[in-house]
């Protein structure tokens, strides 16, 4: 069975279990995804499915990608991603995959692109406490001394300094599936996932399983 789906983050909300427990969840529109390419060990060296998600204008795709999408015969897609599986012979091009691969209580890994925050200082980027506010201090939000004296006489690579913050691929592992609504292609996952609203994320099966929410 395919190990995951592509989806769109819709935002966060509160979910109440039957016991009255409040659970913060992220709502994701997962699928329907279309099989756009089937990879096998004989040809590519491994088994995987390439899935397409979201609609895209044909004028926004180049000719090589239009030819690639033509093989599945299901239109042009906004996002493509590969998911591994043991046997790719059970699938065919153009097949639609939906939320039936997940169950309530499963643990999943969610991959997304974090919010871009531009050029940021050390307090925002790395959580520095900052300098003194009084007694003549003029070092409020600066990083402070970064040198290494006479030896080695250089700034060590990886030093925490101001710079571009966010807009990076991030994976949050083992989040619990709280609720699934297949008729609306919605899956509710406990906690926060990386990315902004309407951002594209991928949901993959985790390494363990918890008991279902009552």
N, C-alpha and C. Protein backbone atom coordinates (compact mmCIF):
# COMPACT_ATOMS: atom_id res chain seq x y z
N UNK A 1 0.84 -1.20 0.00
CA UNK A 1 0.00 0.00 0.00
C UNK A 1 0.88 1.25 0.00
N UNK A 2 0.41 2.30 -0.67
CA UNK A 2 1.15 3.55 -0.73
C UNK A 2 1.32 4.13 0.67
N UNK A 3 2.48 4.74 0.93
CA UNK A 3 2.80 5.17 2.29
C UNK A 3 2.34 6.58 2.62
N UNK A 4 1.77 7.33 1.66
CA UNK A 4 1.37 8.69 2.00
C UNK A 4 0.57 9.37 0.92
N UNK A 5 0.21 10.64 1.20
CA UNK A 5 -0.57 11.47 0.29
C UNK A 5 -0.04 12.90 0.33
N UNK A 6 -0.39 13.67 -0.69
CA UNK A 6 -0.11 15.10 -0.71
C UNK A 6 -1.37 15.84 -0.29
N UNK A 7 -1.21 16.94 0.41
CA UNK A 7 -2.38 17.68 0.87
C UNK A 7 -2.12 19.17 0.96
N UNK A 8 -3.15 19.89 1.37
CA UNK A 8 -3.09 21.34 1.53
C UNK A 8 -3.52 21.69 2.95
N UNK A 9 -2.67 22.45 3.65
CA UNK A 9 -2.97 22.86 5.01
C UNK A 9 -4.06 23.93 4.99
N UNK A 10 -5.14 23.69 5.73
CA UNK A 10 -6.25 24.63 5.77
C UNK A 10 -6.23 25.51 7.02
N UNK A 11 -5.55 25.08 8.07
CA UNK A 11 -5.50 25.86 9.30
C UNK A 11 -5.67 24.99 10.52
N UNK A 12 -5.80 25.63 11.70
CA UNK A 12 -5.96 24.91 12.96
C UNK A 12 -7.32 25.19 13.59
N UNK A 13 -7.76 24.26 14.41
CA UNK A 13 -9.03 24.39 15.11
C UNK A 13 -8.98 23.52 16.35
N UNK A 14 -10.04 23.58 17.14
CA UNK A 14 -10.15 22.76 18.33
C UNK A 14 -11.10 21.60 18.09
N UNK A 15 -10.74 20.44 18.60
CA UNK A 15 -11.56 19.23 18.44
C UNK A 15 -11.87 18.68 19.82
N UNK A 16 -13.14 18.37 20.08
CA UNK A 16 -13.55 17.80 21.35
C UNK A 16 -13.84 16.32 21.19
N UNK A 17 -13.19 15.49 22.00
CA UNK A 17 -13.45 14.06 21.97
C UNK A 17 -14.77 13.76 22.68
N UNK A 18 -15.19 12.50 22.62
CA UNK A 18 -16.44 12.12 23.27
C UNK A 18 -16.35 12.25 24.78
N UNK A 19 -15.12 12.28 25.33
CA UNK A 19 -14.95 12.45 26.76
C UNK A 19 -14.90 13.92 27.17
N UNK A 20 -14.99 14.83 26.19
CA UNK A 20 -14.95 16.25 26.48
C UNK A 20 -13.56 16.83 26.51
N UNK A 21 -12.58 16.08 26.08
CA UNK A 21 -11.20 16.55 26.08
C UNK A 21 -10.95 17.43 24.87
N UNK A 22 -10.34 18.60 25.09
CA UNK A 22 -10.05 19.54 24.00
C UNK A 22 -8.70 19.18 23.38
N UNK A 23 -8.68 19.04 22.06
CA UNK A 23 -7.46 18.66 21.35
C UNK A 23 -7.23 19.66 20.22
N UNK A 24 -6.09 20.36 20.21
CA UNK A 24 -5.77 21.24 19.08
C UNK A 24 -5.36 20.41 17.87
N UNK A 25 -5.97 20.68 16.74
CA UNK A 25 -5.69 19.88 15.54
C UNK A 25 -5.42 20.80 14.34
N UNK A 26 -4.66 20.28 13.41
CA UNK A 26 -4.46 20.93 12.12
C UNK A 26 -5.31 20.21 11.09
N UNK A 27 -6.07 20.97 10.32
CA UNK A 27 -6.95 20.40 9.30
C UNK A 27 -6.23 20.44 7.96
N UNK A 28 -6.14 19.28 7.31
CA UNK A 28 -5.45 19.17 6.03
C UNK A 28 -6.38 18.53 5.01
N UNK A 29 -6.47 19.16 3.85
CA UNK A 29 -7.19 18.55 2.74
C UNK A 29 -6.22 17.61 2.02
N UNK A 30 -6.33 16.32 2.29
CA UNK A 30 -5.40 15.34 1.76
C UNK A 30 -6.03 14.61 0.59
N UNK A 31 -5.49 14.83 -0.60
CA UNK A 31 -6.03 14.19 -1.79
C UNK A 31 -7.29 14.88 -2.28
N UNK A 32 -7.93 14.28 -3.29
CA UNK A 32 -7.50 13.06 -3.96
C UNK A 32 -6.21 13.26 -4.77
N UNK A 33 -5.35 12.25 -4.73
CA UNK A 33 -4.10 12.28 -5.47
C UNK A 33 -4.16 11.28 -6.62
N UNK A 34 -3.52 11.63 -7.71
CA UNK A 34 -3.55 10.80 -8.92
C UNK A 34 -2.16 10.22 -9.17
N UNK A 35 -2.10 8.95 -9.53
CA UNK A 35 -0.83 8.29 -9.85
C UNK A 35 -0.36 8.79 -11.22
N UNK A 36 0.74 9.55 -11.23
CA UNK A 36 1.27 10.10 -12.48
C UNK A 36 2.46 9.31 -13.02
N UNK A 37 3.09 8.48 -12.17
CA UNK A 37 4.20 7.64 -12.62
C UNK A 37 4.39 6.49 -11.65
N UNK A 38 4.69 5.32 -12.20
CA UNK A 38 4.94 4.13 -11.40
C UNK A 38 6.39 3.71 -11.60
N UNK A 39 7.15 3.65 -10.51
CA UNK A 39 8.56 3.29 -10.59
C UNK A 39 8.76 1.88 -10.03
N UNK A 40 9.54 1.08 -10.73
CA UNK A 40 9.75 -0.32 -10.36
C UNK A 40 11.24 -0.61 -10.20
N UNK A 41 11.53 -1.71 -9.53
CA UNK A 41 12.92 -2.10 -9.33
C UNK A 41 13.59 -2.49 -10.64
N UNK A 42 12.81 -2.99 -11.60
CA UNK A 42 13.39 -3.40 -12.87
C UNK A 42 13.87 -2.20 -13.69
N UNK A 43 13.16 -1.10 -13.61
CA UNK A 43 13.49 0.06 -14.44
C UNK A 43 14.26 1.14 -13.67
N UNK A 44 13.74 1.55 -12.52
CA UNK A 44 14.37 2.64 -11.76
C UNK A 44 15.24 2.14 -10.60
N UNK A 45 15.10 0.87 -10.23
CA UNK A 45 15.88 0.34 -9.13
C UNK A 45 15.19 0.35 -7.79
N UNK A 46 13.97 0.87 -7.73
CA UNK A 46 13.20 0.88 -6.48
C UNK A 46 11.72 1.01 -6.82
N UNK A 47 10.87 0.64 -5.86
CA UNK A 47 9.43 0.72 -6.04
C UNK A 47 8.90 2.00 -5.42
N UNK A 48 8.15 2.77 -6.19
CA UNK A 48 7.58 4.02 -5.68
C UNK A 48 6.45 4.48 -6.60
N UNK A 49 5.60 5.32 -6.04
CA UNK A 49 4.55 5.97 -6.82
C UNK A 49 4.79 7.46 -6.82
N UNK A 50 4.66 8.07 -7.99
CA UNK A 50 4.67 9.52 -8.06
C UNK A 50 3.22 9.99 -8.12
N UNK A 51 2.84 10.82 -7.16
CA UNK A 51 1.46 11.29 -7.07
C UNK A 51 1.38 12.76 -7.43
N UNK A 52 0.26 13.14 -8.03
CA UNK A 52 -0.01 14.53 -8.37
C UNK A 52 -1.19 15.04 -7.57
N UNK A 53 -1.11 16.32 -7.16
CA UNK A 53 -2.17 16.91 -6.35
C UNK A 53 -2.38 18.36 -6.76
N UNK A 54 -3.65 18.79 -6.76
CA UNK A 54 -3.98 20.18 -7.04
C UNK A 54 -4.05 20.47 -8.53
N UNK A 55 -4.92 21.39 -8.89
CA UNK A 55 -5.10 21.78 -10.29
C UNK A 55 -4.14 22.89 -10.67
N UNK A 56 -3.71 22.86 -11.91
CA UNK A 56 -2.78 23.87 -12.42
C UNK A 56 -3.14 24.17 -13.87
N UNK A 57 -3.01 25.42 -14.28
CA UNK A 57 -3.30 25.80 -15.66
C UNK A 57 -2.28 25.19 -16.60
N UNK A 58 -2.74 24.74 -17.75
CA UNK A 58 -1.82 24.17 -18.73
C UNK A 58 -0.81 25.19 -19.21
N UNK A 59 -1.21 26.47 -19.26
CA UNK A 59 -0.30 27.51 -19.74
C UNK A 59 0.86 27.76 -18.76
N UNK A 60 0.73 27.27 -17.50
CA UNK A 60 1.78 27.45 -16.52
C UNK A 60 2.73 26.25 -16.44
N UNK A 61 2.57 25.30 -17.35
CA UNK A 61 3.45 24.13 -17.39
C UNK A 61 4.19 24.11 -18.73
N UNK A 62 5.44 23.64 -18.69
CA UNK A 62 6.20 23.54 -19.93
C UNK A 62 5.85 22.26 -20.70
N UNK A 63 6.35 22.13 -21.91
CA UNK A 63 5.98 21.00 -22.76
C UNK A 63 6.44 19.65 -22.21
N UNK A 64 7.67 19.54 -21.64
CA UNK A 64 8.04 18.24 -21.06
C UNK A 64 7.09 17.78 -19.96
N UNK A 65 6.66 18.69 -19.09
CA UNK A 65 5.74 18.30 -18.01
C UNK A 65 4.35 17.99 -18.54
N UNK A 66 3.92 18.72 -19.58
CA UNK A 66 2.62 18.40 -20.18
C UNK A 66 2.63 17.00 -20.77
N UNK A 67 3.75 16.63 -21.38
CA UNK A 67 3.87 15.27 -21.92
C UNK A 67 3.88 14.23 -20.80
N UNK A 68 4.50 14.57 -19.70
CA UNK A 68 4.52 13.66 -18.55
C UNK A 68 3.12 13.47 -17.97
N UNK A 69 2.38 14.57 -17.82
CA UNK A 69 1.02 14.49 -17.28
C UNK A 69 0.07 13.77 -18.23
N UNK A 70 0.36 13.82 -19.51
CA UNK A 70 -0.53 13.21 -20.50
C UNK A 70 -0.61 11.70 -20.32
N UNK A 71 0.44 11.09 -19.77
CA UNK A 71 0.45 9.64 -19.59
C UNK A 71 -0.64 9.17 -18.63
N UNK A 72 -0.91 9.98 -17.59
CA UNK A 72 -1.95 9.60 -16.64
C UNK A 72 -3.34 9.99 -17.13
N UNK A 73 -3.42 10.99 -18.01
CA UNK A 73 -4.69 11.39 -18.59
C UNK A 73 -5.66 12.01 -17.62
N UNK A 74 -5.14 12.62 -16.54
CA UNK A 74 -6.02 13.19 -15.53
C UNK A 74 -5.81 14.68 -15.32
N UNK A 75 -5.22 15.37 -16.29
CA UNK A 75 -5.03 16.81 -16.16
C UNK A 75 -3.61 17.18 -15.75
N UNK A 76 -3.44 18.46 -15.37
CA UNK A 76 -2.15 19.02 -14.98
C UNK A 76 -2.19 19.32 -13.49
N UNK A 77 -1.11 18.98 -12.78
CA UNK A 77 -1.11 19.04 -11.32
C UNK A 77 -0.15 20.09 -10.79
N UNK A 78 -0.53 20.62 -9.62
CA UNK A 78 0.25 21.68 -8.99
C UNK A 78 1.49 21.14 -8.30
N UNK A 79 1.38 19.96 -7.69
CA UNK A 79 2.49 19.41 -6.92
C UNK A 79 2.67 17.94 -7.22
N UNK A 80 3.93 17.50 -7.25
CA UNK A 80 4.27 16.10 -7.46
C UNK A 80 5.17 15.63 -6.32
N UNK A 81 4.98 14.37 -5.89
CA UNK A 81 5.85 13.81 -4.86
C UNK A 81 5.84 12.29 -4.96
N UNK A 82 6.99 11.70 -4.63
CA UNK A 82 7.12 10.25 -4.64
C UNK A 82 6.87 9.68 -3.25
N UNK A 83 6.25 8.49 -3.23
CA UNK A 83 6.04 7.75 -1.99
C UNK A 83 6.45 6.31 -2.23
N UNK A 84 7.23 5.78 -1.31
CA UNK A 84 7.73 4.43 -1.46
C UNK A 84 6.65 3.40 -1.12
N UNK A 85 6.81 2.20 -1.64
CA UNK A 85 5.92 1.09 -1.33
C UNK A 85 6.63 -0.20 -1.69
N UNK A 86 6.09 -1.32 -1.23
CA UNK A 86 6.74 -2.61 -1.45
C UNK A 86 6.47 -3.15 -2.85
N UNK A 87 5.23 -3.05 -3.30
CA UNK A 87 4.86 -3.62 -4.60
C UNK A 87 4.10 -2.59 -5.41
N UNK A 88 4.72 -2.11 -6.48
CA UNK A 88 4.06 -1.10 -7.31
C UNK A 88 3.15 -1.71 -8.37
N UNK A 89 3.12 -3.04 -8.46
CA UNK A 89 2.29 -3.69 -9.47
C UNK A 89 0.81 -3.62 -9.17
N UNK A 90 0.44 -3.20 -7.95
CA UNK A 90 -0.98 -3.14 -7.59
C UNK A 90 -1.64 -1.84 -8.06
N UNK A 91 -0.87 -0.95 -8.68
CA UNK A 91 -1.40 0.35 -9.08
C UNK A 91 -1.26 0.54 -10.59
N UNK A 92 -2.04 1.49 -11.11
CA UNK A 92 -1.97 1.80 -12.53
C UNK A 92 -2.00 3.31 -12.72
N UNK A 93 -1.51 3.78 -13.86
CA UNK A 93 -1.48 5.21 -14.15
C UNK A 93 -2.90 5.78 -14.18
N UNK A 94 -3.07 6.97 -13.61
CA UNK A 94 -4.37 7.61 -13.59
C UNK A 94 -5.25 7.20 -12.43
N UNK A 95 -4.80 6.24 -11.61
CA UNK A 95 -5.59 5.80 -10.47
C UNK A 95 -5.63 6.89 -9.40
N UNK A 96 -6.77 7.02 -8.75
CA UNK A 96 -6.96 8.04 -7.71
C UNK A 96 -6.83 7.41 -6.33
N UNK A 97 -6.01 8.03 -5.48
CA UNK A 97 -5.82 7.56 -4.11
C UNK A 97 -6.44 8.56 -3.14
N UNK A 98 -7.11 8.03 -2.13
CA UNK A 98 -7.79 8.88 -1.17
C UNK A 98 -7.40 8.50 0.25
N UNK A 99 -8.14 8.99 1.23
CA UNK A 99 -7.76 8.89 2.64
C UNK A 99 -7.93 7.51 3.25
N UNK A 100 -8.35 6.52 2.48
CA UNK A 100 -8.56 5.20 3.06
C UNK A 100 -7.27 4.51 3.46
N UNK A 101 -6.11 5.10 3.13
CA UNK A 101 -4.84 4.50 3.54
C UNK A 101 -4.50 4.84 4.99
N UNK A 102 -5.24 5.80 5.60
CA UNK A 102 -5.01 6.19 6.99
C UNK A 102 -6.19 5.77 7.85
N UNK A 103 -5.92 5.59 9.14
CA UNK A 103 -6.95 5.28 10.12
C UNK A 103 -6.79 6.18 11.33
N UNK A 104 -7.89 6.42 12.04
CA UNK A 104 -7.84 7.21 13.26
C UNK A 104 -6.95 6.50 14.28
N UNK A 105 -6.02 7.24 14.86
CA UNK A 105 -5.08 6.66 15.80
C UNK A 105 -3.71 6.40 15.21
N UNK A 106 -3.59 6.43 13.88
CA UNK A 106 -2.28 6.24 13.25
C UNK A 106 -1.35 7.40 13.59
N UNK A 107 -0.06 7.13 13.57
CA UNK A 107 0.95 8.16 13.69
C UNK A 107 1.52 8.46 12.31
N UNK A 108 1.61 9.75 11.99
CA UNK A 108 2.06 10.16 10.66
C UNK A 108 3.18 11.18 10.78
N UNK A 109 3.98 11.27 9.72
CA UNK A 109 5.01 12.30 9.59
C UNK A 109 4.53 13.31 8.56
N UNK A 110 4.59 14.58 8.91
CA UNK A 110 4.13 15.64 8.01
C UNK A 110 5.33 16.48 7.59
N UNK A 111 5.48 16.64 6.26
CA UNK A 111 6.58 17.41 5.70
C UNK A 111 6.01 18.65 5.03
N UNK A 112 6.57 19.81 5.35
CA UNK A 112 6.10 21.06 4.76
C UNK A 112 7.21 22.09 4.71
N UNK A 113 6.90 23.22 4.10
CA UNK A 113 7.83 24.34 3.99
C UNK A 113 7.46 25.37 5.05
N UNK A 114 8.40 25.68 5.96
CA UNK A 114 8.10 26.60 7.04
C UNK A 114 7.86 28.02 6.51
N UNK A 115 7.20 28.84 7.31
CA UNK A 115 6.93 30.21 6.92
C UNK A 115 8.24 30.98 6.73
N UNK A 116 8.33 31.74 5.66
CA UNK A 116 9.51 32.56 5.42
C UNK A 116 9.43 33.86 6.21
N UNK A 117 10.46 34.15 7.00
CA UNK A 117 10.46 35.34 7.85
C UNK A 117 11.52 36.35 7.44
N UNK A 118 12.16 36.12 6.30
CA UNK A 118 13.12 37.09 5.79
C UNK A 118 14.39 37.15 6.62
N UNK A 119 15.10 38.28 6.50
CA UNK A 119 16.34 38.49 7.26
C UNK A 119 15.98 38.82 8.69
N UNK A 120 16.45 38.02 9.64
CA UNK A 120 16.09 38.18 11.05
C UNK A 120 17.34 38.24 11.92
N UNK A 121 17.21 38.93 13.04
CA UNK A 121 18.30 39.05 13.99
C UNK A 121 18.42 37.81 14.87
N UNK A 122 19.42 37.83 15.74
CA UNK A 122 19.70 36.64 16.55
C UNK A 122 18.62 36.39 17.60
N UNK A 123 17.94 37.43 18.06
CA UNK A 123 16.90 37.22 19.08
C UNK A 123 15.70 36.50 18.49
N UNK A 124 15.31 36.86 17.30
CA UNK A 124 14.18 36.21 16.65
C UNK A 124 14.57 34.88 16.02
N UNK A 125 15.76 34.83 15.46
CA UNK A 125 16.18 33.64 14.72
C UNK A 125 16.65 32.51 15.64
N UNK A 126 17.39 32.87 16.70
CA UNK A 126 17.98 31.85 17.56
C UNK A 126 17.52 31.92 19.01
N UNK A 127 16.71 32.92 19.36
CA UNK A 127 16.21 33.01 20.72
C UNK A 127 17.19 33.59 21.71
N UNK A 128 18.13 34.43 21.25
CA UNK A 128 19.05 35.09 22.19
C UNK A 128 18.26 35.97 23.16
N UNK A 129 18.76 36.11 24.39
CA UNK A 129 18.07 36.91 25.41
C UNK A 129 18.26 38.41 25.19
N UNK A 130 19.33 38.81 24.56
CA UNK A 130 19.59 40.23 24.37
C UNK A 130 20.45 40.81 25.49
N UNK A 131 20.90 42.02 25.27
CA UNK A 131 21.76 42.68 26.25
C UNK A 131 20.99 43.51 27.26
N UNK A 132 21.72 44.20 28.13
CA UNK A 132 21.11 45.03 29.16
C UNK A 132 20.40 46.23 28.53
N UNK A 133 19.35 46.67 29.20
CA UNK A 133 18.59 47.82 28.72
C UNK A 133 19.03 49.13 29.38
N UNK A 134 19.78 49.04 30.48
CA UNK A 134 20.13 50.23 31.26
C UNK A 134 21.64 50.30 31.50
N UNK A 135 22.03 51.29 32.34
CA UNK A 135 23.42 51.47 32.76
C UNK A 135 24.35 51.71 31.57
N UNK A 136 23.85 52.45 30.60
CA UNK A 136 24.69 52.86 29.49
C UNK A 136 24.95 51.80 28.44
N UNK A 137 24.26 50.66 28.55
CA UNK A 137 24.48 49.60 27.56
C UNK A 137 23.95 50.01 26.19
N UNK A 138 24.72 49.73 25.18
CA UNK A 138 24.28 49.97 23.80
C UNK A 138 24.23 48.65 23.03
N UNK A 139 24.17 47.56 23.77
CA UNK A 139 24.11 46.23 23.16
C UNK A 139 22.79 45.57 23.55
N UNK A 140 21.72 45.96 22.84
CA UNK A 140 20.39 45.47 23.20
C UNK A 140 20.00 44.22 22.42
N UNK A 141 20.16 44.25 21.11
CA UNK A 141 19.73 43.12 20.29
C UNK A 141 20.85 42.59 19.39
N UNK A 142 22.07 43.02 19.62
CA UNK A 142 23.17 42.58 18.76
C UNK A 142 23.71 41.24 19.26
N UNK A 143 24.40 40.48 18.39
CA UNK A 143 24.89 39.15 18.80
C UNK A 143 26.03 39.20 19.80
N UNK A 144 26.78 40.30 19.89
CA UNK A 144 27.92 40.36 20.79
C UNK A 144 29.19 39.89 20.13
N UNK A 145 30.21 39.66 20.93
CA UNK A 145 31.50 39.26 20.40
C UNK A 145 31.42 37.89 19.74
N UNK A 146 32.01 37.76 18.55
CA UNK A 146 31.98 36.49 17.83
C UNK A 146 33.37 35.98 17.50
N UNK A 147 34.41 36.72 17.89
CA UNK A 147 35.76 36.34 17.53
C UNK A 147 36.32 35.22 18.40
N UNK A 148 37.52 34.75 18.02
CA UNK A 148 38.19 33.67 18.74
C UNK A 148 39.58 34.07 19.17
N UNK A 149 39.78 35.35 19.54
CA UNK A 149 41.07 35.84 19.99
C UNK A 149 42.13 35.64 18.91
N UNK A 150 43.39 35.42 19.33
CA UNK A 150 44.48 35.33 18.36
C UNK A 150 44.45 34.01 17.59
N UNK A 151 43.96 32.97 18.28
CA UNK A 151 43.88 31.67 17.60
C UNK A 151 42.51 31.06 17.80
N UNK A 152 41.82 30.58 16.81
CA UNK A 152 42.26 30.45 15.41
C UNK A 152 42.11 31.72 14.59
N UNK A 153 41.66 32.81 15.20
CA UNK A 153 41.60 34.08 14.49
C UNK A 153 40.57 34.12 13.39
N UNK A 154 39.46 33.42 13.56
CA UNK A 154 38.40 33.44 12.55
C UNK A 154 37.07 33.12 13.22
N UNK A 155 36.00 33.34 12.49
CA UNK A 155 34.66 32.99 12.98
C UNK A 155 34.39 31.53 12.63
N UNK A 156 34.06 30.72 13.61
CA UNK A 156 33.81 29.30 13.40
C UNK A 156 32.56 29.12 12.54
N UNK A 157 32.67 28.22 11.57
CA UNK A 157 31.53 27.95 10.69
C UNK A 157 30.34 27.42 11.51
N UNK A 158 29.16 27.94 11.21
CA UNK A 158 27.96 27.54 11.94
C UNK A 158 27.62 28.43 13.12
N UNK A 159 28.38 29.50 13.32
CA UNK A 159 28.11 30.43 14.41
C UNK A 159 26.72 31.04 14.26
N UNK A 160 25.99 31.14 15.37
CA UNK A 160 24.64 31.69 15.32
C UNK A 160 24.71 33.20 15.13
N UNK A 161 24.27 33.63 13.96
CA UNK A 161 24.32 35.04 13.59
C UNK A 161 23.03 35.43 12.88
N UNK A 162 22.79 36.73 12.64
CA UNK A 162 21.61 37.13 11.85
C UNK A 162 21.66 36.54 10.45
N UNK A 163 20.48 36.36 9.86
CA UNK A 163 20.43 35.83 8.50
C UNK A 163 19.02 35.45 8.10
N UNK A 164 18.91 34.78 6.96
CA UNK A 164 17.61 34.37 6.44
C UNK A 164 16.99 33.32 7.36
N UNK A 165 15.73 33.52 7.70
CA UNK A 165 15.06 32.66 8.68
C UNK A 165 13.77 32.12 8.07
N UNK A 166 13.57 30.81 8.18
CA UNK A 166 12.37 30.17 7.66
C UNK A 166 12.51 29.77 6.21
N UNK A 167 11.39 29.43 5.59
CA UNK A 167 11.35 29.00 4.18
C UNK A 167 12.25 27.78 3.96
N UNK A 168 12.18 26.83 4.90
CA UNK A 168 12.97 25.61 4.81
C UNK A 168 12.08 24.39 4.97
N UNK A 169 12.49 23.30 4.33
CA UNK A 169 11.76 22.04 4.44
C UNK A 169 11.90 21.49 5.85
N UNK A 170 10.76 21.12 6.45
CA UNK A 170 10.78 20.64 7.83
C UNK A 170 9.83 19.45 7.98
N UNK A 171 10.25 18.47 8.78
CA UNK A 171 9.45 17.29 9.03
C UNK A 171 9.10 17.21 10.51
N UNK A 172 7.81 17.03 10.81
CA UNK A 172 7.36 16.79 12.18
C UNK A 172 6.88 15.35 12.24
N UNK A 173 7.49 14.57 13.14
CA UNK A 173 7.25 13.13 13.16
C UNK A 173 6.25 12.71 14.23
N UNK A 174 5.58 11.59 13.92
CA UNK A 174 4.70 10.90 14.86
C UNK A 174 3.61 11.78 15.46
N UNK A 175 2.86 12.43 14.57
CA UNK A 175 1.66 13.17 14.97
C UNK A 175 0.46 12.24 14.83
N UNK A 176 -0.44 12.32 15.78
CA UNK A 176 -1.57 11.39 15.82
C UNK A 176 -2.73 11.87 14.95
N UNK A 177 -3.32 10.93 14.21
CA UNK A 177 -4.52 11.22 13.42
C UNK A 177 -5.72 11.19 14.37
N UNK A 178 -6.41 12.32 14.50
CA UNK A 178 -7.53 12.44 15.44
C UNK A 178 -8.87 12.12 14.76
N UNK A 179 -9.04 12.56 13.54
CA UNK A 179 -10.32 12.34 12.85
C UNK A 179 -10.09 12.35 11.35
N UNK A 180 -10.91 11.60 10.63
CA UNK A 180 -10.85 11.54 9.17
C UNK A 180 -12.26 11.71 8.63
N UNK A 181 -12.41 12.60 7.65
CA UNK A 181 -13.70 12.81 7.00
C UNK A 181 -13.52 12.59 5.50
N UNK A 182 -13.63 11.34 5.05
CA UNK A 182 -13.32 11.01 3.65
C UNK A 182 -14.23 11.68 2.64
N UNK A 183 -15.47 11.98 3.03
CA UNK A 183 -16.40 12.61 2.08
C UNK A 183 -15.97 14.03 1.73
N UNK A 184 -15.16 14.66 2.61
CA UNK A 184 -14.66 16.01 2.35
C UNK A 184 -13.15 16.02 2.10
N UNK A 185 -12.54 14.84 2.07
CA UNK A 185 -11.08 14.71 1.89
C UNK A 185 -10.32 15.46 2.98
N UNK A 186 -10.82 15.41 4.22
CA UNK A 186 -10.19 16.12 5.33
C UNK A 186 -9.62 15.14 6.33
N UNK A 187 -8.43 15.45 6.83
CA UNK A 187 -7.81 14.68 7.89
C UNK A 187 -7.37 15.66 8.98
N UNK A 188 -7.66 15.32 10.24
CA UNK A 188 -7.31 16.19 11.36
C UNK A 188 -6.18 15.55 12.14
N UNK A 189 -5.08 16.28 12.28
CA UNK A 189 -3.88 15.77 12.91
C UNK A 189 -3.59 16.57 14.17
N UNK A 190 -3.29 15.88 15.25
CA UNK A 190 -3.04 16.53 16.54
C UNK A 190 -1.79 17.40 16.48
N UNK A 191 -1.92 18.66 16.93
CA UNK A 191 -0.78 19.56 16.99
C UNK A 191 -0.59 20.37 15.73
N UNK A 192 0.54 21.07 15.68
CA UNK A 192 0.84 21.97 14.57
C UNK A 192 1.74 21.28 13.55
N UNK A 193 1.60 21.68 12.30
CA UNK A 193 2.46 21.18 11.23
C UNK A 193 3.12 22.38 10.56
N UNK A 194 4.28 22.18 9.94
CA UNK A 194 4.98 23.32 9.32
C UNK A 194 4.23 23.88 8.13
N UNK A 195 4.40 25.19 7.91
CA UNK A 195 3.83 25.81 6.72
C UNK A 195 2.74 26.82 7.04
N UNK A 196 2.36 27.55 6.01
CA UNK A 196 1.32 28.55 6.13
C UNK A 196 -0.01 27.98 5.64
N UNK A 197 -1.07 28.70 5.87
CA UNK A 197 -2.38 28.25 5.36
C UNK A 197 -2.34 28.17 3.85
N UNK A 198 -2.95 27.14 3.32
CA UNK A 198 -2.98 26.80 1.88
C UNK A 198 -1.63 26.27 1.40
N UNK A 199 -0.66 26.09 2.29
CA UNK A 199 0.62 25.53 1.89
C UNK A 199 0.51 24.04 1.60
N UNK A 200 1.35 23.56 0.68
CA UNK A 200 1.35 22.16 0.31
C UNK A 200 2.19 21.36 1.31
N UNK A 201 1.64 20.26 1.81
CA UNK A 201 2.34 19.37 2.73
C UNK A 201 2.18 17.93 2.24
N UNK A 202 3.05 17.07 2.72
CA UNK A 202 2.91 15.65 2.44
C UNK A 202 2.76 14.90 3.76
N UNK A 203 1.89 13.90 3.77
CA UNK A 203 1.60 13.11 4.96
C UNK A 203 2.05 11.68 4.69
N UNK A 204 2.95 11.19 5.53
CA UNK A 204 3.47 9.83 5.38
C UNK A 204 3.24 9.05 6.66
N UNK A 205 3.10 7.75 6.51
CA UNK A 205 2.86 6.91 7.67
C UNK A 205 4.07 6.91 8.59
N UNK A 206 3.79 7.00 9.91
CA UNK A 206 4.86 7.00 10.89
C UNK A 206 5.31 5.59 11.25
N UNK A 207 6.07 5.49 12.34
CA UNK A 207 6.69 4.23 12.70
C UNK A 207 5.91 3.45 13.75
N UNK A 208 4.86 4.04 14.31
CA UNK A 208 4.12 3.37 15.37
C UNK A 208 2.64 3.68 15.23
N UNK A 209 1.87 3.18 16.18
CA UNK A 209 0.42 3.38 16.16
C UNK A 209 -0.10 3.53 17.57
N UNK A 210 -1.00 4.50 17.78
CA UNK A 210 -1.61 4.72 19.08
C UNK A 210 -3.05 4.24 19.04
N UNK A 211 -3.65 4.18 20.21
CA UNK A 211 -5.06 3.81 20.29
C UNK A 211 -5.92 4.94 19.75
N UNK A 212 -7.07 4.60 19.22
CA UNK A 212 -7.96 5.58 18.61
C UNK A 212 -8.55 6.49 19.67
N UNK A 213 -8.88 7.72 19.24
CA UNK A 213 -9.52 8.67 20.13
C UNK A 213 -10.97 8.28 20.32
N UNK A 214 -11.43 8.21 21.56
CA UNK A 214 -12.80 7.80 21.83
C UNK A 214 -13.75 8.98 21.67
